[in-house]
C-alpha atoms as a PDB file:
ATOM      1  CA  MET A   1       0.000   0.000   0.000  1.00  0.00           C
ATOM      2  CA  ARG A   2       1.246   3.463  -0.925  1.00  0.00           C
ATOM      3  CA  VAL A   3       0.083   6.725   0.616  1.00  0.00           C
ATOM      4  CA  VAL A   4       1.213  10.284  -0.074  1.00  0.00           C
ATOM      5  CA  VAL A   5       0.894  12.778   2.782  1.00  0.00           C
ATOM      6  CA  LYS A   6       1.398  16.458   2.028  1.00  0.00           C
ATOM      7  CA  LEU A   7       2.563  18.228   5.184  1.00  0.00           C
ATOM      8  CA  GLY A   8       1.517  21.862   4.981  1.00  0.00           C
ATOM      9  CA  GLY A   9       3.976  24.628   5.635  1.00  0.00           C
ATOM     10  CA  SER A  10       1.279  26.295   7.737  1.00  0.00           C
ATOM     11  CA  LEU A  11       1.901  23.519  10.290  1.00  0.00           C
ATOM     12  CA  MET A  12       5.567  24.268  10.893  1.00  0.00           C
ATOM     13  CA  GLU A  13       5.103  24.664  14.645  1.00  0.00           C
ATOM     14  CA  ASP A  14       2.875  21.559  14.801  1.00  0.00           C
ATOM     15  CA  SER A  15       4.595  19.380  12.202  1.00  0.00           C
ATOM     16  CA  LEU A  16       6.913  17.443  14.498  1.00  0.00           C
ATOM     17  CA  PRO A  17       4.176  15.623  16.469  1.00  0.00           C
ATOM     18  CA  VAL A  18       2.621  14.583  13.141  1.00  0.00           C
ATOM     19  CA  ILE A  19       5.883  13.120  11.861  1.00  0.00           C
ATOM     20  CA  LYS A  20       6.647  11.427  15.169  1.00  0.00           C
ATOM     21  CA  ALA A  21       3.157   9.872  15.247  1.00  0.00           C
ATOM     22  CA  LEU A  22       3.596   8.532  11.704  1.00  0.00           C
ATOM     23  CA  LEU A  23       7.043   7.163  12.499  1.00  0.00           C
ATOM     24  CA  THR A  24       5.764   5.467  15.654  1.00  0.00           C
ATOM     25  CA  ARG A  25       2.806   3.859  13.896  1.00  0.00           C
ATOM     26  CA  PHE A  26       4.275   3.048  10.484  1.00  0.00           C
ATOM     27  CA  GLY A  27       8.045   3.205  10.932  1.00  0.00           C
ATOM     28  CA  SER A  28       8.393  -0.561  10.561  1.00  0.00           C
ATOM     29  CA  CYS A  29       6.144  -3.370   9.413  1.00  0.00           C
ATOM     30  CA  GLY A  30       6.339  -5.769  12.356  1.00  0.00           C
ATOM     31  CA  ASP A  31       3.022  -7.560  12.660  1.00  0.00           C
ATOM     32  CA  LYS A  32       1.141  -4.648  11.060  1.00  0.00           C
ATOM     33  CA  GLU A  33       0.269  -4.004   7.431  1.00  0.00           C
ATOM     34  CA  CYS A  34       3.295  -2.705   5.549  1.00  0.00           C
ATOM     35  CA  ILE A  35       2.682   0.769   4.142  1.00  0.00           C
ATOM     36  CA  SER A  36       4.961   3.080   2.196  1.00  0.00           C
ATOM     37  CA  ILE A  37       4.165   6.616   3.325  1.00  0.00           C
ATOM     38  CA  LEU A  38       5.766   9.388   1.305  1.00  0.00           C
ATOM     39  CA  ILE A  39       5.737  12.808   2.972  1.00  0.00           C
ATOM     40  CA  ILE A  40       5.714  15.831   0.657  1.00  0.00           C
ATOM     41  CA  PRO A  41       6.844  19.004   2.442  1.00  0.00           C
ATOM     42  CA  GLY A  42       4.967  22.239   1.950  1.00  0.00           C
ATOM     43  CA  GLY A  43       6.694  25.540   1.449  1.00  0.00           C
ATOM     44  CA  GLY A  44       5.494  27.553   4.429  1.00  0.00           C
ATOM     45  CA  LEU A  45       7.561  30.542   5.481  1.00  0.00           C
ATOM     46  CA  PHE A  46      10.373  29.434   3.163  1.00  0.00           C
ATOM     47  CA  ALA A  47       8.127  29.681   0.083  1.00  0.00           C
ATOM     48  CA  ASN A  48       6.585  32.899   1.399  1.00  0.00           C
ATOM     49  CA  THR A  49      10.076  34.377   1.508  1.00  0.00           C
ATOM     50  CA  VAL A  50      10.722  33.248  -2.066  1.00  0.00           C
ATOM     51  CA  ARG A  51       7.471  34.809  -3.211  1.00  0.00           C
ATOM     52  CA  SER A  52       8.294  38.116  -1.530  1.00  0.00           C
ATOM     53  CA  VAL A  53      11.738  38.157  -3.120  1.00  0.00           C
ATOM     54  CA  CYS A  54      10.290  37.307  -6.533  1.00  0.00           C
ATOM     55  CA  GLU A  55       7.748  40.094  -6.290  1.00  0.00           C
ATOM     56  CA  LYS A  56      10.299  42.633  -5.043  1.00  0.00           C
ATOM     57  CA  TYR A  57      12.865  41.863  -7.739  1.00  0.00           C
ATOM     58  CA  ASN A  58      10.449  40.978 -10.563  1.00  0.00           C
ATOM     59  CA  ILE A  59      11.692  37.401 -10.930  1.00  0.00           C
ATOM     60  CA  LYS A  60       9.982  35.536 -13.769  1.00  0.00           C
ATOM     61  CA  ASP A  61       7.733  32.509 -13.302  1.00  0.00           C
ATOM     62  CA  ASP A  62      10.222  29.858 -14.430  1.00  0.00           C
ATOM     63  CA  ALA A  63      12.872  30.854 -11.908  1.00  0.00           C
ATOM     64  CA  ALA A  64      10.246  31.454  -9.195  1.00  0.00           C
ATOM     65  CA  HIS A  65       8.857  27.938  -9.714  1.00  0.00           C
ATOM     66  CA  TRP A  66      12.181  26.227  -9.041  1.00  0.00           C
ATOM     67  CA  MET A  67      13.025  28.575  -6.179  1.00  0.00           C
ATOM     68  CA  ALA A  68       9.709  27.668  -4.515  1.00  0.00           C
ATOM     69  CA  ILE A  69      10.357  23.935  -4.938  1.00  0.00           C
ATOM     70  CA  LEU A  70      13.760  24.387  -3.331  1.00  0.00           C
ATOM     71  CA  ALA A  71      11.932  26.140  -0.492  1.00  0.00           C
ATOM     72  CA  MET A  72       9.966  22.913   0.011  1.00  0.00           C
ATOM     73  CA  GLU A  73      13.287  21.130   0.453  1.00  0.00           C
ATOM     74  CA  GLN A  74      14.296  23.619   3.139  1.00  0.00           C
ATOM     75  CA  TYR A  75      11.174  22.657   5.105  1.00  0.00           C
ATOM     76  CA  ALA A  76      12.081  18.994   4.603  1.00  0.00           C
ATOM     77  CA  TYR A  77      15.554  19.528   6.043  1.00  0.00           C
ATOM     78  CA  TYR A  78      14.059  21.316   9.036  1.00  0.00           C
ATOM     79  CA  ILE A  79      11.824  18.299   9.721  1.00  0.00           C
ATOM     80  CA  GLN A  80      14.675  15.852   9.182  1.00  0.00           C
ATOM     81  CA  ASP A  81      16.840  17.787  11.635  1.00  0.00           C
ATOM     82  CA  LYS A  82      14.158  17.603  14.328  1.00  0.00           C
ATOM     83  CA  THR A  83      12.890  14.043  13.787  1.00  0.00           C
ATOM     84  CA  GLY A  84      15.590  12.034  12.010  1.00  0.00           C
ATOM     85  CA  ILE A  85      13.121  10.990   9.279  1.00  0.00           C
ATOM     86  CA  ASN A  86      14.628   9.276   6.248  1.00  0.00           C
ATOM     87  CA  THR A  87      14.689  11.332   3.055  1.00  0.00           C
ATOM     88  CA  ALA A  88      14.802  10.467  -0.635  1.00  0.00           C
ATOM     89  CA  ASP A  89      15.278  12.589  -3.752  1.00  0.00           C
ATOM     90  CA  SER A  90      13.714  10.052  -6.131  1.00  0.00           C
ATOM     91  CA  LEU A  91      10.519   7.994  -6.309  1.00  0.00           C
ATOM     92  CA  GLU A  92      12.500   4.850  -7.060  1.00  0.00           C
ATOM     93  CA  HIS A  93      12.896   2.234  -4.323  1.00  0.00           C
ATOM     94  CA  ILE A  94      10.858   4.008  -1.655  1.00  0.00           C
ATOM     95  CA  PRO A  95      10.878   1.532   1.258  1.00  0.00           C
ATOM     96  CA  PHE A  96       8.100   0.514   3.605  1.00  0.00           C
ATOM     97  CA  GLY A  97       7.709   2.950   6.480  1.00  0.00           C
ATOM     98  CA  VAL A  98       7.835   6.740   6.371  1.00  0.00           C
ATOM     99  CA  THR A  99      10.031   8.734   3.985  1.00  0.00           C
ATOM    100  CA  MET A 100      10.284  12.467   3.324  1.00  0.00           C
ATOM    101  CA  LEU A 101      10.714  13.400  -0.347  1.00  0.00           C
ATOM    102  CA  LEU A 102      13.126  16.107  -1.418  1.00  0.00           C
ATOM    103  CA  PRO A 103      11.083  17.030  -4.492  1.00  0.00           C
ATOM    104  CA  TYR A 104      13.406  19.155  -6.639  1.00  0.00           C
ATOM    105  CA  ARG A 105      15.092  16.331  -8.575  1.00  0.00           C
ATOM    106  CA  THR A 106      11.812  14.528  -9.283  1.00  0.00           C
ATOM    107  CA  LEU A 107      10.129  17.685 -10.561  1.00  0.00           C
ATOM    108  CA  LYS A 108      13.184  18.742 -12.562  1.00  0.00           C
ATOM    109  CA  ASP A 109      13.545  15.338 -14.233  1.00  0.00           C
ATOM    110  CA  LYS A 110       9.919  15.311 -15.364  1.00  0.00           C
ATOM    111  CA  ASP A 111       8.823  18.923 -15.707  1.00  0.00           C
ATOM    112  CA  GLU A 112       5.078  18.581 -16.377  1.00  0.00           C
ATOM    113  CA  LEU A 113       3.403  21.156 -14.127  1.00  0.00           C
ATOM    114  CA  PRO A 114       2.765  24.807 -15.050  1.00  0.00           C
ATOM    115  CA  HIS A 115       5.247  27.305 -13.663  1.00  0.00           C
ATOM    116  CA  SER A 116       2.777  29.489 -11.793  1.00  0.00           C
ATOM    117  CA  TRP A 117       1.954  30.526  -8.252  1.00  0.00           C
ATOM    118  CA  ASP A 118      -1.383  28.758  -8.813  1.00  0.00           C
ATOM    119  CA  VAL A 119       0.625  25.532  -8.563  1.00  0.00           C
ATOM    120  CA  THR A 120       2.023  25.141  -5.073  1.00  0.00           C
ATOM    121  CA  ALA A 121       2.877  22.132  -2.896  1.00  0.00           C
ATOM    122  CA  ASP A 122      -0.753  20.902  -2.984  1.00  0.00           C
ATOM    123  CA  THR A 123      -0.781  20.242  -6.720  1.00  0.00           C
ATOM    124  CA  ILE A 124       2.832  19.102  -6.609  1.00  0.00           C
ATOM    125  CA  ALA A 125       1.862  16.504  -3.986  1.00  0.00           C
ATOM    126  CA  ALA A 126      -1.038  15.308  -6.138  1.00  0.00           C
ATOM    127  CA  TRP A 127       1.262  15.032  -9.151  1.00  0.00           C
ATOM    128  CA  ILE A 128       3.781  13.054  -7.082  1.00  0.00           C
ATOM    129  CA  ALA A 129       1.002  10.780  -5.807  1.00  0.00           C
ATOM    130  CA  LYS A 130       0.125  10.042  -9.438  1.00  0.00           C
ATOM    131  CA  GLN A 131       3.753   9.245 -10.285  1.00  0.00           C
ATOM    132  CA  PHE A 132       4.104   7.157  -7.120  1.00  0.00           C
ATOM    133  CA  GLY A 133       1.038   5.082  -7.891  1.00  0.00           C
ATOM    134  CA  ALA A 134      -1.023   6.295  -4.942  1.00  0.00           C
ATOM    135  CA  PRO A 135      -4.706   6.710  -5.987  1.00  0.00           C
ATOM    136  CA  SER A 136      -5.295   9.526  -3.513  1.00  0.00           C
ATOM    137  CA  PHE A 137      -3.391  11.634  -1.050  1.00  0.00           C
ATOM    138  CA  VAL A 138      -3.815  13.194   2.366  1.00  0.00           C
ATOM    139  CA  LYS A 139      -3.386  16.953   2.716  1.00  0.00           C
ATOM    140  CA  VAL A 140      -2.393  17.770   6.289  1.00  0.00           C
ATOM    141  CA  THR A 141      -3.002  21.408   7.123  1.00  0.00           C
ATOM    142  CA  ASP A 142      -3.948  23.748   9.983  1.00  0.00           C
ATOM    143  CA  VAL A 143      -7.737  23.693   9.473  1.00  0.00           C
ATOM    144  CA  ASP A 144     -10.356  20.940   9.727  1.00  0.00           C
ATOM    145  CA  GLY A 145     -11.249  21.010   6.032  1.00  0.00           C
ATOM    146  CA  ILE A 146     -13.175  23.101   3.527  1.00  0.00           C
ATOM    147  CA  TYR A 147     -15.873  25.253   5.056  1.00  0.00           C
ATOM    148  CA  ALA A 148     -19.191  26.378   3.614  1.00  0.00           C
ATOM    149  CA  GLU A 149     -21.393  28.615   5.761  1.00  0.00           C
ATOM    150  CA  ASP A 150     -19.039  27.990   8.702  1.00  0.00           C
ATOM    151  CA  VAL A 151     -19.514  24.222   8.520  1.00  0.00           C
ATOM    152  CA  VAL A 152     -16.811  21.734   7.528  1.00  0.00           C
ATOM    153  CA  GLN A 153     -17.951  19.908   4.418  1.00  0.00           C
ATOM    154  CA  GLN A 154     -17.451  16.162   4.786  1.00  0.00           C
ATOM    155  CA  PHE A 155     -17.711  15.262   1.091  1.00  0.00           C
ATOM    156  CA  LEU A 156     -17.216  17.429  -2.004  1.00  0.00           C
ATOM    157  CA  THR A 157     -16.552  16.732  -5.650  1.00  0.00           C
ATOM    158  CA  ALA A 158     -13.714  18.485  -7.425  1.00  0.00           C
ATOM    159  CA  ASP A 159     -16.345  20.278  -9.528  1.00  0.00           C
ATOM    160  CA  GLU A 160     -18.015  21.605  -6.380  1.00  0.00           C
ATOM    161  CA  VAL A 161     -14.692  22.883  -5.065  1.00  0.00           C
ATOM    162  CA  LEU A 162     -13.987  24.601  -8.382  1.00  0.00           C
ATOM    163  CA  LYS A 163     -17.200  26.601  -7.977  1.00  0.00           C
ATOM    164  CA  MET A 164     -16.357  27.703  -4.428  1.00  0.00           C
ATOM    165  CA  GLY A 165     -13.520  30.063  -5.192  1.00  0.00           C
ATOM    166  CA  ALA A 166     -10.719  30.400  -2.647  1.00  0.00           C
ATOM    167  CA  THR A 167     -10.315  27.487  -0.198  1.00  0.00           C
ATOM    168  CA  CYS A 168      -7.441  25.962   1.764  1.00  0.00           C
ATOM    169  CA  LEU A 169      -6.309  24.300  -1.499  1.00  0.00           C
ATOM    170  CA  ASP A 170      -4.077  25.894  -4.088  1.00  0.00           C
ATOM    171  CA  ALA A 171      -5.880  27.216  -7.137  1.00  0.00           C
ATOM    172  CA  ALA A 172      -4.744  24.460  -9.503  1.00  0.00           C
ATOM    173  CA  LEU A 173      -5.522  21.395  -7.369  1.00  0.00           C
ATOM    174  CA  PRO A 174      -9.292  20.907  -7.919  1.00  0.00           C
ATOM    175  CA  LEU A 175      -8.896  20.823 -11.700  1.00  0.00           C
ATOM    176  CA  PHE A 176      -5.879  18.515 -11.408  1.00  0.00           C
ATOM    177  CA  LEU A 177      -7.920  16.099  -9.273  1.00  0.00           C
ATOM    178  CA  LYS A 178     -10.755  16.170 -11.784  1.00  0.00           C
ATOM    179  CA  GLU A 179      -8.567  15.695 -14.848  1.00  0.00           C
ATOM    180  CA  ASN A 180      -6.583  12.875 -13.255  1.00  0.00           C
ATOM    181  CA  ARG A 181      -9.519  11.204 -11.484  1.00  0.00           C
ATOM    182  CA  MET A 182      -7.817  11.449  -8.098  1.00  0.00           C
ATOM    183  CA  ASP A 183      -9.187  11.927  -4.589  1.00  0.00           C
ATOM    184  CA  CYS A 184      -7.856  14.060  -1.735  1.00  0.00           C
ATOM    185  CA  LEU A 185      -8.514  13.986   1.990  1.00  0.00           C
ATOM    186  CA  ILE A 186      -7.979  17.187   3.989  1.00  0.00           C
ATOM    187  CA  VAL A 187      -7.191  16.706   7.685  1.00  0.00           C
ATOM    188  CA  ASN A 188      -6.101  18.958  10.545  1.00  0.00           C
ATOM    189  CA  GLY A 189      -2.532  18.147  11.559  1.00  0.00           C
ATOM    190  CA  LYS A 190      -2.972  19.786  14.942  1.00  0.00           C
ATOM    191  CA  HIS A 191      -4.602  16.453  15.798  1.00  0.00           C
ATOM    192  CA  PRO A 192      -1.964  13.848  14.820  1.00  0.00           C
ATOM    193  CA  GLU A 193      -4.342  10.985  15.573  1.00  0.00           C
ATOM    194  CA  ARG A 194      -6.539  12.195  12.709  1.00  0.00           C
ATOM    195  CA  VAL A 195      -3.617  11.892  10.325  1.00  0.00           C
ATOM    196  CA  ILE A 196      -3.078   8.283  11.403  1.00  0.00           C
ATOM    197  CA  ASP A 197      -6.775   7.551  10.908  1.00  0.00           C
ATOM    198  CA  ALA A 198      -6.724   9.191   7.488  1.00  0.00           C
ATOM    199  CA  VAL A 199      -3.798   7.040   6.372  1.00  0.00           C
ATOM    200  CA  VAL A 200      -5.524   3.798   7.404  1.00  0.00           C
ATOM    201  CA  GLY A 201      -8.879   4.858   5.967  1.00  0.00           C
ATOM    202  CA  LYS A 202     -10.912   5.497   9.111  1.00  0.00           C
ATOM    203  CA  ASP A 203     -13.673   8.096   9.205  1.00  0.00           C
ATOM    204  CA  ILE A 204     -12.365  11.402  10.518  1.00  0.00           C
ATOM    205  CA  VAL A 205     -13.214  15.065  10.876  1.00  0.00           C
ATOM    206  CA  GLY A 206     -12.122  16.470   7.533  1.00  0.00           C
ATOM    207  CA  THR A 207     -13.097  16.970   3.910  1.00  0.00           C
ATOM    208  CA  TYR A 208     -12.968  14.193   1.319  1.00  0.00           C
ATOM    209  CA  ILE A 209     -12.700  15.564  -2.213  1.00  0.00           C
ATOM    210  CA  LYS A 210     -13.790  13.167  -4.908  1.00  0.00           C
ATOM    211  CA  GLY A 211     -12.083  13.657  -8.241  1.00  0.00           C
ATOM    212  CA  ASN A 212     -12.488  10.082  -9.388  1.00  0.00           C
ATOM    213  CA  ILE A 213     -16.114  10.307 -10.619  1.00  0.00           C
END
């Protein structure tokens, strides 16, 4: 079983308990089901800094795209420093357990996504899940899910999300999910137990986005 977990940069101060919970539960197979969990780092304050620099110095989209992906790697190194998580810079030979991807090489080798600020770590994580052979992915962020009229929506289609305007997703993700018939589960990483439940397929507080319809 393969699962991609995108760890939002908005969770920087709460990311370590999430990683430690995943390592404790899935770090080795033992007598449990063997799962390969691939963590995709968000950009967070590192990507925000890149964006500010790009705006200040009028840096074009191509350069900004690769600078932002390198910012994701900075977040990954922060998490590795604090947790000791294994990292990989390729999708080949990802072992069972929990691995953090350094995404620059993978994206550079197969440059398929638009170079735009509409495409951030959310869509990158979905693209990686597709390459990795994971039919869906878990987006771990700092909110419970997508809200409508102050209520967390439990189930939405990608088409419904497209009609909602701004959400906790990047602008390109809903269309990517629809075009690639992929699903996405949004879960609040301030509750690490919810992330564990999301990985194993239990019902949780969150939003399930159905793109595979």
